[in-house]
């Protein structure tokens, strides 16, 4: 059997037909039987017609499914007719498995009865495979003679004549049964001389590897198409009348059109003339759209409804010569419904195609490729509600399609829709492949009024898919590239929705929430619940030899989205102003005026640091922390600062005040009772212990609540236009952050003067009073070698000094994010914790209250039963598991943001982080 050879890497024009020489006389016929790859081929013929011999000669053994072999597998004898039913059940099963895998499958059985063929044709339809037949029409006398010479089989004399009658009766109607091709070999000589040639499936252009420029729905917008091709580097070729008839691509590239070239627009003939010329010259490929199909039917004279722009197309084509209309008819009739390109890594169709349909050929496949799946419902505009096949797509090939106009093209689950509504006043979009670069040309005007508005004012509507509560409500899962599938329980999803509904910033900007940072393992040093040595030992056990230690700032985490200008932010997120600053739960951290001033300062610093220019982005997303005290002036400008940490500070202040008022009288009363000889010694001792705890707690609270100026400490750049910056080496993050902090050097012109002419509040101006003081804070940090005792000892001394002065502690993280352990040496391998926090004694005292100085029962070397024990290792393990899942979700959301995916896809990851935060792991921080 001859199989298809590799074709050139780019399509070539068809050569002009040349006269064929008259065939030389042959003594025997030499029929050539073309078959299609991946199809079901039925060998049809009587017993002893030579089917098995034909199959062995022309097909691989694995491609042939024989009824005799199936009988032998079931009954140990291929002539055992008593197991025929089970044997054919096995045959149908094997045929289905091969067709599901897209493999050529040849059935070696008599297949002379319509009932037997019907069952096999049903299997082919189930798997969207072509069915073809090869009929071996050998005279019954020859078959009977062959049967007499076979010692392994004896058939009754009536069998072969009866089978031959069935064969003859079937021949006229085989094509009507559903076979795409029927080859009839008449006589033993033709059977022996036949040659089988295997052809590629029509959709199979996997040998074409590109690179490609894929163009969305044109809809008669010739001028915009010319502009787009020019921007892509194509050179237009015009005829004597100045009309474009071809476009020569840059070397090696090929244009691919996703259909709907016609209807609605001003120049359908001009678009067709250009694209047809490109295809004929081998410069382009084109698949059919549903509008091409309607034009073809109209040109054939069929009765069609002249709606959705078809009337305009037919009027425009009616003004063209008859020869041109005939060429158009032949062109649109010959378009394939989809193509597989680049080794199967790229699929191009008009309306989208699930992976199970790739490369297949059936009415069901063609219908989905041209129209897409629908739910059977209609929307408020009377248009069909389409199935969200792309949201469920998980295939390896990139599927590029159009059909449903969207305001902007975006990637979703390795699919991208290029129909951006050019004819409706949107844009004409192309995708450079494999670069995955989107090129957009704005429409010159609105050529046709859409039934449904292209843009929606709802959040996410500018991307064509408004946010839907169903995306984040109820039990669901979120797939992450780093940590697999993360499950979200319904009660956690409900808690996340309630939190966001109460206090979240503009949902269009809420694109990231930072993960929690779990505590270090329990300290083994007496008097310490957490100690840096445990962090160093843990990372050393994970194979991390060097870690970064950074000061843990006492204020809340903050996420900052800052833009170079409002227009830059609007291009990506919509008209949302200068940006936003939000907390770990998505709530706004500042009032509008304070936030705007802080963002202006950050914008100026990023501009001076050259970060916008370096990253080629009009906006930046930062992870940061607020430090300083809320009792002081605002971060910038006037008025009180807003801080979520104020809640626990207020709580602690209440504890200090009530203890100071109530505990001294209690102690005095107990001491008087003891002096009178009452047995209150045990109670008095416990209350004196509480008083000692309260004195330490009060001192820690006063240090933490001392007035000071609040500052913003950037930790790392998270994302920019088209880039997830959250991963990679820490030294790169630190270098960018240092440049940003160093650039926060305001000039006197930056000084903000209140409307009443008074000076800014204390702490907002520099020492000489000439300009606002910097608002960005550089976090103290140092590198530590986990295997070097001197290095770890120095880090421990630094931590002790830091926490003794009232500092919260440190955060320890690996030098590269993310980091994985290598399997072996008793370790299963896996994701290393991206960070752990090691907090000081006094800070833990503030977090847990005076009666719970830490999460151990021995902070001061005393054992008191009222001090609850530290959470068990199982609870700590769960907290670390949650932190890893939140970390993976955060990176997944940033990946989706960088890839330009729709907002609802980014929100899935964001809401999952917030949902995991509501897990009832341990009420203590």
Foldseek 3Di string as FASTA:
>chain_A
DAEDDQDDQFFAFDDDDDDDDDDDDDPFDFAEAEDEFLAEEEEAAFAQLCLVVLCVVAHDPLQEQELLVLCCVVPVGSAPPVCSVVSVVVSLVSLLVSSLVSGRHYYHDNPLAPVSVLSNVVSCVVLQHAYEYEYRLADLVNSVVSQVPDPRDDDPPVRSVVSNVSNVVCVVCPVVSRHPYYHYQHHPRNSVNYHYYYDYQPQEPASHAFQEKEWEAQAFQLVQVVVQQVVQPWQFDADPVRQTQETHHDPRHAYEYQENCHFLFDGSLSSCNYVVSHVNRRRYAYAYAPLLVVLLCVLVVHDDDCDRGNVVRVVNVVVPDPVSSVVSNVVSVPGHQWHQYNNNQAIGGAQDAAPSLPSGHDPVRSCCRHANAFPPDADPLRHTHHDPVLQVHQDRHQYEYENDAAQDWFDGNNYIYQRPPLLQQHWIWIAGPPVRDIDTGTHPGNSHHDSDDRADPAFLRNGVDHADLVLQAAWDWFAFPAPGIDIFHRVLSVVLVVLCVPFADDLLQLQFAAFDFFAFCQDPDFQFRFAVLSVLVVVVVLVFFKKKKWFDAPFFKKKWKAFLAQVQCCVQRNRDHGTAIAGNSRGGFFDPVLGVLVSVLLSQLCVLLCVCVVVVFGMFMFIKGKHFAQVEADLAFGDTGGGPVVVLLVVLVVVLVVCVVPLVVVLVVLVVCVVVPDPCVVVNVVSVLLVVLSVLLVVLSCLRNPHDHMAMETQFTQAGALDGPPFWFSVVRLVSSVSSQVSSDDALVSADADPVRDHTGPQQCDPVRRHGDGRYDYIDMDMARSVDPVRVVVVRVVQVVQVVSSGFGIKMAGRTPFDKGDDDPPRRIGTDQRIHTGTDQNNQCSQPDSQASHQDQGNPHDHDVSHHHHDDPVLSVVSSVLSVLLNSLRSRSNNSSSSSHGSNSSVNSSSSSSSSVPPPRDPGD
